[in-house]
């Protein structure tokens, strides 16, 4: 799909619909991966915190109904921005636990 510098309302709607279905799956997988880390890493406070943020984001995304129009797309976009602001910068906490454990 081509967006360019001026995406159409239709393209934004299609993208939001795709992300609405795909993001919860990816977030759930990530939370499961964090839970399954070896060597007790999944119990490290930083990893637990990031995992809970993923689970909260998953719940938030699943709470939205299907995206049918521009208003739904805007609501989804606002939620997506909050998830990005709240979770993505702290995702590195988990890798710092690995560094701490193995001295990387």
PDB file of N, CA and C in Angstrom:
ATOM      1  N   UNK A   1       0.847  -1.167   0.000  1.00  0.00           N
ATOM      2  CA  UNK A   1       0.000   0.000   0.000  1.00  0.00           C
ATOM      3  C   UNK A   1       0.893   1.230   0.000  1.00  0.00           C
ATOM      4  N   UNK A   2       0.596   2.145  -0.850  1.00  0.00           N
ATOM      5  CA  UNK A   2       1.355   3.386  -0.953  1.00  0.00           C
ATOM      6  C   UNK A   2       0.685   4.474  -0.130  1.00  0.00           C
ATOM      7  N   UNK A   3       1.492   5.156   0.692  1.00  0.00           N
ATOM      8  CA  UNK A   3       0.941   6.234   1.496  1.00  0.00           C
ATOM      9  C   UNK A   3       1.430   7.591   1.024  1.00  0.00           C
ATOM     10  N   UNK A   4       2.715   7.711   0.795  1.00  0.00           N
ATOM     11  CA  UNK A   4       3.256   8.998   0.423  1.00  0.00           C
ATOM     12  C   UNK A   4       3.156   9.973   1.581  1.00  0.00           C
ATOM     13  N   UNK A   5       3.308  11.239   1.260  1.00  0.00           N
ATOM     14  CA  UNK A   5       3.276  12.256   2.320  1.00  0.00           C
ATOM     15  C   UNK A   5       1.845  12.646   2.693  1.00  0.00           C
ATOM     16  N   UNK A   6       0.877  12.252   1.879  1.00  0.00           N
ATOM     17  CA  UNK A   6      -0.527  12.582   2.152  1.00  0.00           C
ATOM     18  C   UNK A   6      -1.405  11.336   2.004  1.00  0.00           C
ATOM     19  N   UNK A   7      -1.450  10.514   3.046  1.00  0.00           N
ATOM     20  CA  UNK A   7      -2.275   9.302   2.949  1.00  0.00           C
ATOM     21  C   UNK A   7      -3.752   9.652   2.863  1.00  0.00           C
ATOM     22  N   UNK A   8      -4.472   8.863   2.110  1.00  0.00           N
ATOM     23  CA  UNK A   8      -5.910   9.093   1.985  1.00  0.00           C
ATOM     24  C   UNK A   8      -6.626   8.561   3.221  1.00  0.00           C
ATOM     25  N   UNK A   9      -7.839   9.018   3.403  1.00  0.00           N
ATOM     26  CA  UNK A   9      -8.656   8.540   4.513  1.00  0.00           C
ATOM     27  C   UNK A   9      -8.850   7.030   4.406  1.00  0.00           C
ATOM     28  N   UNK A  10      -9.033   6.549   3.198  1.00  0.00           N
ATOM     29  CA  UNK A  10      -9.219   5.107   2.977  1.00  0.00           C
ATOM     30  C   UNK A  10      -7.972   4.331   3.374  1.00  0.00           C
ATOM     31  N   UNK A  11      -6.791   4.810   2.998  1.00  0.00           N
ATOM     32  CA  UNK A  11      -5.551   4.126   3.357  1.00  0.00           C
ATOM     33  C   UNK A  11      -5.344   4.104   4.871  1.00  0.00           C
ATOM     34  N   UNK A  12      -5.654   5.208   5.524  1.00  0.00           N
ATOM     35  CA  UNK A  12      -5.532   5.259   6.980  1.00  0.00           C
ATOM     36  C   UNK A  12      -6.486   4.271   7.641  1.00  0.00           C
ATOM     37  N   UNK A  13      -7.688   4.180   7.109  1.00  0.00           N
ATOM     38  CA  UNK A  13      -8.674   3.259   7.654  1.00  0.00           C
ATOM     39  C   UNK A  13      -8.223   1.805   7.479  1.00  0.00           C
ATOM     40  N   UNK A  14      -7.734   1.465   6.304  1.00  0.00           N
ATOM     41  CA  UNK A  14      -7.253   0.106   6.039  1.00  0.00           C
ATOM     42  C   UNK A  14      -6.071  -0.235   6.940  1.00  0.00           C
ATOM     43  N   UNK A  15      -5.158   0.702   7.115  1.00  0.00           N
ATOM     44  CA  UNK A  15      -4.000   0.473   7.979  1.00  0.00           C
ATOM     45  C   UNK A  15      -4.418   0.268   9.425  1.00  0.00           C
ATOM     46  N   UNK A  16      -5.334   1.100   9.892  1.00  0.00           N
ATOM     47  CA  UNK A  16      -5.814   0.971  11.270  1.00  0.00           C
ATOM     48  C   UNK A  16      -6.515  -0.372  11.464  1.00  0.00           C
ATOM     49  N   UNK A  17      -7.285  -0.803  10.476  1.00  0.00           N
ATOM     50  CA  UNK A  17      -7.963  -2.097  10.578  1.00  0.00           C
ATOM     51  C   UNK A  17      -6.945  -3.235  10.649  1.00  0.00           C
ATOM     52  N   UNK A  18      -5.910  -3.156   9.830  1.00  0.00           N
ATOM     53  CA  UNK A  18      -4.859  -4.175   9.852  1.00  0.00           C
ATOM     54  C   UNK A  18      -4.153  -4.196  11.210  1.00  0.00           C
ATOM     55  N   UNK A  19      -3.734  -3.028  11.674  1.00  0.00           N
ATOM     56  CA  UNK A  19      -3.029  -2.955  12.958  1.00  0.00           C
ATOM     57  C   UNK A  19      -3.909  -3.376  14.125  1.00  0.00           C
ATOM     58  N   UNK A  20      -5.182  -3.052  14.044  1.00  0.00           N
ATOM     59  CA  UNK A  20      -6.119  -3.433  15.103  1.00  0.00           C
ATOM     60  C   UNK A  20      -6.174  -4.950  15.260  1.00  0.00           C
ATOM     61  N   UNK A  21      -6.048  -5.663  14.161  1.00  0.00           N
ATOM     62  CA  UNK A  21      -6.052  -7.131  14.212  1.00  0.00           C
ATOM     63  C   UNK A  21      -4.674  -7.695  14.511  1.00  0.00           C
ATOM     64  N   UNK A  22      -3.638  -7.100  13.955  1.00  0.00           N
ATOM     65  CA  UNK A  22      -2.288  -7.657  14.032  1.00  0.00           C
ATOM     66  C   UNK A  22      -1.554  -7.309  15.329  1.00  0.00           C
ATOM     67  N   UNK A  23      -1.678  -6.098  15.815  1.00  0.00           N
ATOM     68  CA  UNK A  23      -0.924  -5.689  17.002  1.00  0.00           C
ATOM     69  C   UNK A  23      -1.215  -6.524  18.248  1.00  0.00           C
ATOM     70  N   UNK A  24      -2.467  -6.826  18.556  1.00  0.00           N
ATOM     71  CA  UNK A  24      -2.686  -7.661  19.742  1.00  0.00           C
ATOM     72  C   UNK A  24      -1.976  -9.016  19.648  1.00  0.00           C
ATOM     73  N   UNK A  25      -1.930  -9.588  18.454  1.00  0.00           N
ATOM     74  CA  UNK A  25      -1.234 -10.868  18.277  1.00  0.00           C
ATOM     75  C   UNK A  25       0.259 -10.720  18.549  1.00  0.00           C
ATOM     76  N   UNK A  26       0.844  -9.694  17.994  1.00  0.00           N
ATOM     77  CA  UNK A  26       2.282  -9.476  18.175  1.00  0.00           C
ATOM     78  C   UNK A  26       2.624  -9.131  19.620  1.00  0.00           C
ATOM     79  N   UNK A  27       1.784  -8.326  20.234  1.00  0.00           N
ATOM     80  CA  UNK A  27       2.013  -7.951  21.628  1.00  0.00           C
ATOM     81  C   UNK A  27       1.873  -9.178  22.532  1.00  0.00           C
ATOM     82  N   UNK A  28       0.871 -10.017  22.270  1.00  0.00           N
ATOM     83  CA  UNK A  28       0.683 -11.233  23.069  1.00  0.00           C
ATOM     84  C   UNK A  28       1.899 -12.155  22.933  1.00  0.00           C
ATOM     85  N   UNK A  29       2.396 -12.309  21.714  1.00  0.00           N
ATOM     86  CA  UNK A  29       3.596 -13.138  21.510  1.00  0.00           C
ATOM     87  C   UNK A  29       4.776 -12.587  22.291  1.00  0.00           C
ATOM     88  N   UNK A  30       4.926 -11.288  22.257  1.00  0.00           N
ATOM     89  CA  UNK A  30       6.040 -10.663  22.980  1.00  0.00           C
ATOM     90  C   UNK A  30       5.925 -10.889  24.477  1.00  0.00           C
ATOM     91  N   UNK A  31       4.721 -10.773  25.025  1.00  0.00           N
ATOM     92  CA  UNK A  31       4.511 -11.017  26.451  1.00  0.00           C
ATOM     93  C   UNK A  31       4.820 -12.472  26.799  1.00  0.00           C
ATOM     94  N   UNK A  32       4.419 -13.392  25.934  1.00  0.00           N
ATOM     95  CA  UNK A  32       4.709 -14.811  26.156  1.00  0.00           C
ATOM     96  C   UNK A  32       6.214 -15.056  26.114  1.00  0.00           C
ATOM     97  N   UNK A  33       6.901 -14.427  25.171  1.00  0.00           N
ATOM     98  CA  UNK A  33       8.355 -14.574  25.084  1.00  0.00           C
ATOM     99  C   UNK A  33       9.034 -14.063  26.350  1.00  0.00           C
ATOM    100  N   UNK A  34       8.561 -12.946  26.870  1.00  0.00           N
ATOM    101  CA  UNK A  34       9.144 -12.412  28.099  1.00  0.00           C
ATOM    102  C   UNK A  34       8.900 -13.342  29.286  1.00  0.00           C
ATOM    103  N   UNK A  35       7.743 -13.996  29.298  1.00  0.00           N
ATOM    104  CA  UNK A  35       7.425 -14.930  30.374  1.00  0.00           C
ATOM    105  C   UNK A  35       8.292 -16.189  30.303  1.00  0.00           C
ATOM    106  N   UNK A  36       8.735 -16.533  29.106  1.00  0.00           N
ATOM    107  CA  UNK A  36       9.469 -17.782  28.893  1.00  0.00           C
ATOM    108  C   UNK A  36      10.994 -17.604  28.866  1.00  0.00           C
ATOM    109  N   UNK A  37      11.484 -16.456  29.265  1.00  0.00           N
ATOM    110  CA  UNK A  37      12.938 -16.242  29.253  1.00  0.00           C
ATOM    111  C   UNK A  37      13.636 -17.233  30.192  1.00  0.00           C
ATOM    112  N   UNK A  38      14.811 -17.691  29.802  1.00  0.00           N
ATOM    113  CA  UNK A  38      15.533 -18.672  30.641  1.00  0.00           C
ATOM    114  C   UNK A  38      16.282 -18.006  31.803  1.00  0.00           C
ATOM    115  N   UNK A  39      16.835 -18.845  32.656  1.00  0.00           N
ATOM    116  CA  UNK A  39      17.734 -18.423  33.737  1.00  0.00           C
ATOM    117  C   UNK A  39      17.087 -17.461  34.732  1.00  0.00           C
ATOM    118  N   UNK A  40      15.791 -17.541  34.895  1.00  0.00           N
ATOM    119  CA  UNK A  40      15.117 -16.681  35.853  1.00  0.00           C
ATOM    120  C   UNK A  40      14.960 -15.238  35.407  1.00  0.00           C
ATOM    121  N   UNK A  41      15.314 -14.962  34.170  1.00  0.00           N
ATOM    122  CA  UNK A  41      15.208 -13.574  33.680  1.00  0.00           C
ATOM    123  C   UNK A  41      13.767 -13.090  33.659  1.00  0.00           C
ATOM    124  N   UNK A  42      12.821 -14.008  33.447  1.00  0.00           N
ATOM    125  CA  UNK A  42      11.423 -13.580  33.385  1.00  0.00           C
ATOM    126  C   UNK A  42      10.913 -13.084  34.736  1.00  0.00           C
ATOM    127  N   UNK A  43      11.646 -13.351  35.804  1.00  0.00           N
ATOM    128  CA  UNK A  43      11.239 -12.879  37.134  1.00  0.00           C
ATOM    129  C   UNK A  43      11.940 -11.587  37.544  1.00  0.00           C
ATOM    130  N   UNK A  44      12.850 -11.097  36.711  1.00  0.00           N
ATOM    131  CA  UNK A  44      13.525  -9.837  37.020  1.00  0.00           C
ATOM    132  C   UNK A  44      12.493  -8.711  37.009  1.00  0.00           C
ATOM    133  N   UNK A  45      12.577  -7.804  37.964  1.00  0.00           N
ATOM    134  CA  UNK A  45      11.566  -6.733  38.051  1.00  0.00           C
ATOM    135  C   UNK A  45      11.390  -5.930  36.758  1.00  0.00           C
ATOM    136  N   UNK A  46      12.472  -5.631  36.076  1.00  0.00           N
ATOM    137  CA  UNK A  46      12.348  -4.845  34.839  1.00  0.00           C
ATOM    138  C   UNK A  46      11.605  -5.625  33.766  1.00  0.00           C
ATOM    139  N   UNK A  47      11.864  -6.919  33.669  1.00  0.00           N
ATOM    140  CA  UNK A  47      11.193  -7.756  32.669  1.00  0.00           C
ATOM    141  C   UNK A  47       9.718  -7.903  33.027  1.00  0.00           C
ATOM    142  N   UNK A  48       9.424  -8.108  34.296  1.00  0.00           N
ATOM    143  CA  UNK A  48       8.035  -8.225  34.746  1.00  0.00           C
ATOM    144  C   UNK A  48       7.270  -6.939  34.433  1.00  0.00           C
ATOM    145  N   UNK A  49       7.904  -5.797  34.674  1.00  0.00           N
ATOM    146  CA  UNK A  49       7.256  -4.506  34.421  1.00  0.00           C
ATOM    147  C   UNK A  49       6.928  -4.338  32.937  1.00  0.00           C
ATOM    148  N   UNK A  50       7.884  -4.642  32.084  1.00  0.00           N
ATOM    149  CA  UNK A  50       7.655  -4.514  30.639  1.00  0.00           C
ATOM    150  C   UNK A  50       6.568  -5.489  30.194  1.00  0.00           C
ATOM    151  N   UNK A  51       6.594  -6.710  30.728  1.00  0.00           N
ATOM    152  CA  UNK A  51       5.572  -7.697  30.377  1.00  0.00           C
ATOM    153  C   UNK A  51       4.178  -7.187  30.755  1.00  0.00           C
ATOM    154  N   UNK A  52       4.051  -6.618  31.940  1.00  0.00           N
ATOM    155  CA  UNK A  52       2.751  -6.070  32.346  1.00  0.00           C
ATOM    156  C   UNK A  52       2.319  -4.929  31.421  1.00  0.00           C
ATOM    157  N   UNK A  53       3.252  -4.110  30.988  1.00  0.00           N
ATOM    158  CA  UNK A  53       2.903  -3.043  30.044  1.00  0.00           C
ATOM    159  C   UNK A  53       2.383  -3.631  28.737  1.00  0.00           C
ATOM    160  N   UNK A  54       3.028  -4.702  28.282  1.00  0.00           N
ATOM    161  CA  UNK A  54       2.537  -5.368  27.071  1.00  0.00           C
ATOM    162  C   UNK A  54       1.130  -5.907  27.292  1.00  0.00           C
ATOM    163  N   UNK A  55       0.888  -6.542  28.426  1.00  0.00           N
ATOM    164  CA  UNK A  55      -0.434  -7.091  28.699  1.00  0.00           C
ATOM    165  C   UNK A  55      -1.485  -5.987  28.789  1.00  0.00           C
ATOM    166  N   UNK A  56      -1.143  -4.866  29.404  1.00  0.00           N
ATOM    167  CA  UNK A  56      -2.073  -3.733  29.453  1.00  0.00           C
ATOM    168  C   UNK A  56      -2.385  -3.221  28.050  1.00  0.00           C
ATOM    169  N   UNK A  57      -1.354  -3.116  27.226  1.00  0.00           N
ATOM    170  CA  UNK A  57      -1.551  -2.661  25.844  1.00  0.00           C
ATOM    171  C   UNK A  57      -2.431  -3.633  25.084  1.00  0.00           C
ATOM    172  N   UNK A  58      -2.203  -4.926  25.303  1.00  0.00           N
ATOM    173  CA  UNK A  58      -3.026  -5.950  24.666  1.00  0.00           C
ATOM    174  C   UNK A  58      -4.496  -5.758  25.053  1.00  0.00           C
ATOM    175  N   UNK A  59      -4.750  -5.602  26.335  1.00  0.00           N
ATOM    176  CA  UNK A  59      -6.134  -5.414  26.812  1.00  0.00           C
ATOM    177  C   UNK A  59      -6.759  -4.146  26.219  1.00  0.00           C
ATOM    178  N   UNK A  60      -5.975  -3.076  26.185  1.00  0.00           N
ATOM    179  CA  UNK A  60      -6.492  -1.827  25.616  1.00  0.00           C
ATOM    180  C   UNK A  60      -6.902  -2.012  24.159  1.00  0.00           C
ATOM    181  N   UNK A  61      -6.031  -2.655  23.387  1.00  0.00           N
ATOM    182  CA  UNK A  61      -6.329  -2.857  21.969  1.00  0.00           C
ATOM    183  C   UNK A  61      -7.541  -3.762  21.771  1.00  0.00           C
ATOM    184  N   UNK A  62      -7.652  -4.787  22.586  1.00  0.00           N
ATOM    185  CA  UNK A  62      -8.774  -5.722  22.462  1.00  0.00           C
ATOM    186  C   UNK A  62     -10.084  -5.076  22.907  1.00  0.00           C
ATOM    187  N   UNK A  63     -10.005  -4.023  23.706  1.00  0.00           N
ATOM    188  CA  UNK A  63     -11.229  -3.373  24.172  1.00  0.00           C
ATOM    189  C   UNK A  63     -11.884  -2.527  23.083  1.00  0.00           C
ATOM    190  N   UNK A  64     -11.131  -2.162  22.066  1.00  0.00           N
ATOM    191  CA  UNK A  64     -11.701  -1.376  20.970  1.00  0.00           C
ATOM    192  C   UNK A  64     -12.528  -2.261  20.054  1.00  0.00           C
ATOM    193  N   UNK A  65     -13.663  -1.764  19.659  1.00  0.00           N
ATOM    194  CA  UNK A  65     -14.489  -2.491  18.702  1.00  0.00           C
ATOM    195  C   UNK A  65     -13.875  -2.382  17.313  1.00  0.00           C
ATOM    196  N   UNK A  66     -14.436  -3.073  16.355  1.00  0.00           N
ATOM    197  CA  UNK A  66     -13.917  -3.016  14.986  1.00  0.00           C
ATOM    198  C   UNK A  66     -13.861  -1.576  14.488  1.00  0.00           C
ATOM    199  N   UNK A  67     -12.890  -1.318  13.660  1.00  0.00           N
ATOM    200  CA  UNK A  67     -12.695   0.020  13.098  1.00  0.00           C
ATOM    201  C   UNK A  67     -13.477   0.088  11.793  1.00  0.00           C
ATOM    202  N   UNK A  68     -14.492   0.967  11.792  1.00  0.00           N
ATOM    203  CA  UNK A  68     -15.383   1.037  10.638  1.00  0.00           C
ATOM    204  C   UNK A  68     -15.352   2.368   9.910  1.00  0.00           C
ATOM    205  N   UNK A  69     -14.937   3.426  10.614  1.00  0.00           N
ATOM    206  CA  UNK A  69     -14.981   4.746   9.989  1.00  0.00           C
ATOM    207  C   UNK A  69     -13.851   5.617  10.525  1.00  0.00           C
ATOM    208  N   UNK A  70     -13.815   6.858  10.063  1.00  0.00           N
ATOM    209  CA  UNK A  70     -12.747   7.785  10.424  1.00  0.00           C
ATOM    210  C   UNK A  70     -12.696   8.033  11.933  1.00  0.00           C
ATOM    211  N   UNK A  71     -13.843   8.109  12.562  1.00  0.00           N
ATOM    212  CA  UNK A  71     -13.881   8.331  14.004  1.00  0.00           C
ATOM    213  C   UNK A  71     -13.225   7.165  14.750  1.00  0.00           C
ATOM    214  N   UNK A  72     -13.527   5.946  14.332  1.00  0.00           N
ATOM    215  CA  UNK A  72     -12.894   4.759  14.929  1.00  0.00           C
ATOM    216  C   UNK A  72     -11.392   4.764  14.679  1.00  0.00           C
ATOM    217  N   UNK A  73     -11.021   5.153  13.478  1.00  0.00           N
ATOM    218  CA  UNK A  73      -9.593   5.194  13.118  1.00  0.00           C
ATOM    219  C   UNK A  73      -8.859   6.206  13.987  1.00  0.00           C
ATOM    220  N   UNK A  74      -9.460   7.356  14.225  1.00  0.00           N
ATOM    221  CA  UNK A  74      -8.828   8.372  15.069  1.00  0.00           C
ATOM    222  C   UNK A  74      -8.692   7.888  16.515  1.00  0.00           C
ATOM    223  N   UNK A  75      -9.704   7.213  17.019  1.00  0.00           N
ATOM    224  CA  UNK A  75      -9.645   6.662  18.379  1.00  0.00           C
ATOM    225  C   UNK A  75      -8.523   5.623  18.480  1.00  0.00           C
ATOM    226  N   UNK A  76      -8.432   4.759  17.468  1.00  0.00           N
ATOM    227  CA  UNK A  76      -7.375   3.750  17.447  1.00  0.00           C
ATOM    228  C   UNK A  76      -6.003   4.415  17.379  1.00  0.00           C
ATOM    229  N   UNK A  77      -5.868   5.431  16.544  1.00  0.00           N
ATOM    230  CA  UNK A  77      -4.588   6.125  16.390  1.00  0.00           C
ATOM    231  C   UNK A  77      -4.143   6.745  17.704  1.00  0.00           C
ATOM    232  N   UNK A  78      -5.066   7.345  18.442  1.00  0.00           N
ATOM    233  CA  UNK A  78      -4.723   7.919  19.746  1.00  0.00           C
ATOM    234  C   UNK A  78      -4.253   6.837  20.720  1.00  0.00           C
ATOM    235  N   UNK A  79      -4.944   5.714  20.725  1.00  0.00           N
ATOM    236  CA  UNK A  79      -4.535   4.619  21.598  1.00  0.00           C
ATOM    237  C   UNK A  79      -3.157   4.097  21.193  1.00  0.00           C
ATOM    238  N   UNK A  80      -2.950   3.945  19.902  1.00  0.00           N
ATOM    239  CA  UNK A  80      -1.666   3.466  19.397  1.00  0.00           C
ATOM    240  C   UNK A  80      -0.535   4.406  19.813  1.00  0.00           C
ATOM    241  N   UNK A  81      -0.766   5.698  19.721  1.00  0.00           N
ATOM    242  CA  UNK A  81       0.253   6.667  20.134  1.00  0.00           C
ATOM    243  C   UNK A  81       0.578   6.530  21.617  1.00  0.00           C
ATOM    244  N   UNK A  82      -0.443   6.310  22.445  1.00  0.00           N
ATOM    245  CA  UNK A  82      -0.206   6.145  23.881  1.00  0.00           C
ATOM    246  C   UNK A  82       0.585   4.874  24.168  1.00  0.00           C
ATOM    247  N   UNK A  83       0.266   3.806  23.460  1.00  0.00           N
ATOM    248  CA  UNK A  83       1.008   2.554  23.635  1.00  0.00           C
ATOM    249  C   UNK A  83       2.458   2.765  23.244  1.00  0.00           C
ATOM    250  N   UNK A  84       2.656   3.422  22.143  1.00  0.00           N
ATOM    251  CA  UNK A  84       4.020   3.670  21.656  1.00  0.00           C
ATOM    252  C   UNK A  84       4.808   4.521  22.651  1.00  0.00           C
ATOM    253  N   UNK A  85       4.180   5.528  23.207  1.00  0.00           N
ATOM    254  CA  UNK A  85       4.844   6.411  24.166  1.00  0.00           C
ATOM    255  C   UNK A  85       5.125   5.675  25.475  1.00  0.00           C
ATOM    256  N   UNK A  86       4.185   4.846  25.919  1.00  0.00           N
ATOM    257  CA  UNK A  86       4.299   4.206  27.227  1.00  0.00           C
ATOM    258  C   UNK A  86       5.158   2.950  27.236  1.00  0.00           C
ATOM    259  N   UNK A  87       5.178   2.178  26.156  1.00  0.00           N
ATOM    260  CA  UNK A  87       5.846   0.882  26.166  1.00  0.00           C
ATOM    261  C   UNK A  87       7.175   0.885  25.433  1.00  0.00           C
ATOM    262  N   UNK A  88       7.221   1.404  24.244  1.00  0.00           N
ATOM    263  CA  UNK A  88       8.409   1.271  23.402  1.00  0.00           C
ATOM    264  C   UNK A  88       9.683   1.805  24.056  1.00  0.00           C
ATOM    265  N   UNK A  89       9.679   2.974  24.698  1.00  0.00           N
ATOM    266  CA  UNK A  89      10.941   3.453  25.289  1.00  0.00           C
ATOM    267  C   UNK A  89      11.477   2.559  26.397  1.00  0.00           C
ATOM    268  N   UNK A  90      10.608   1.783  27.037  1.00  0.00           N
ATOM    269  CA  UNK A  90      11.023   0.964  28.171  1.00  0.00           C
ATOM    270  C   UNK A  90      11.261  -0.492  27.803  1.00  0.00           C
ATOM    271  N   UNK A  91      11.077  -0.819  26.543  1.00  0.00           N
ATOM    272  CA  UNK A  91      11.283  -2.190  26.105  1.00  0.00           C
ATOM    273  C   UNK A  91      12.724  -2.628  26.345  1.00  0.00           C
ATOM    274  N   UNK A  92      13.648  -1.700  26.349  1.00  0.00           N
ATOM    275  CA  UNK A  92      15.054  -2.005  26.585  1.00  0.00           C
ATOM    276  C   UNK A  92      15.354  -2.438  28.007  1.00  0.00           C
ATOM    277  N   UNK A  93      14.416  -2.227  28.929  1.00  0.00           N
ATOM    278  CA  UNK A  93      14.625  -2.672  30.313  1.00  0.00           C
ATOM    279  C   UNK A  93      14.907  -4.166  30.360  1.00  0.00           C
ATOM    280  N   UNK A  94      14.174  -4.924  29.553  1.00  0.00           N
ATOM    281  CA  UNK A  94      14.369  -6.368  29.537  1.00  0.00           C
ATOM    282  C   UNK A  94      15.762  -6.740  29.082  1.00  0.00           C
ATOM    283  N   UNK A  95      16.270  -6.045  28.075  1.00  0.00           N
ATOM    284  CA  UNK A  95      17.619  -6.367  27.598  1.00  0.00           C
ATOM    285  C   UNK A  95      18.666  -5.973  28.627  1.00  0.00           C
ATOM    286  N   UNK A  96      18.386  -4.966  29.444  1.00  0.00           N
ATOM    287  CA  UNK A  96      19.347  -4.611  30.488  1.00  0.00           C
ATOM    288  C   UNK A  96      19.430  -5.713  31.542  1.00  0.00           C
ATOM    289  N   UNK A  97      18.330  -6.437  31.760  1.00  0.00           N
ATOM    290  CA  UNK A  97      18.359  -7.568  32.689  1.00  0.00           C
ATOM    291  C   UNK A  97      19.240  -8.684  32.146  1.00  0.00           C
ATOM    292  N   UNK A  98      19.204  -8.899  30.847  1.00  0.00           N
ATOM    293  CA  UNK A  98      20.067  -9.903  30.217  1.00  0.00           C
ATOM    294  C   UNK A  98      21.524  -9.480  30.354  1.00  0.00           C
ATOM    295  N   UNK A  99      21.792  -8.206  30.099  1.00  0.00           N
ATOM    296  CA  UNK A  99      23.166  -7.702  30.231  1.00  0.00           C
ATOM    297  C   UNK A  99      23.670  -7.868  31.662  1.00  0.00           C
ATOM    298  N   UNK A 100      22.805  -7.573  32.605  1.00  0.00           N
ATOM    299  CA  UNK A 100      23.181  -7.687  34.016  1.00  0.00           C
ATOM    300  C   UNK A 100      23.483  -9.150  34.369  1.00  0.00           C
ATOM    301  N   UNK A 101      22.670 -10.061  33.880  1.00  0.00           N
ATOM    302  CA  UNK A 101      22.805 -11.486  34.210  1.00  0.00           C
ATOM    303  C   UNK A 101      24.046 -12.096  33.574  1.00  0.00           C
ATOM    304  N   UNK A 102      24.329 -11.733  32.325  1.00  0.00           N
ATOM    305  CA  UNK A 102      25.406 -12.384  31.576  1.00  0.00           C
ATOM    306  C   UNK A 102      26.615 -11.495  31.347  1.00  0.00           C
ATOM    307  N   UNK A 103      26.574 -10.262  31.809  1.00  0.00           N
ATOM    308  CA  UNK A 103      27.722  -9.371  31.699  1.00  0.00           C
ATOM    309  C   UNK A 103      28.045  -8.896  30.301  1.00  0.00           C
ATOM    310  N   UNK A 104      27.029  -8.769  29.442  1.00  0.00           N
ATOM    311  CA  UNK A 104      27.267  -8.256  28.077  1.00  0.00           C
ATOM    312  C   UNK A 104      27.503  -6.786  28.089  1.00  0.00           C
TER     313      UNK A 104
END
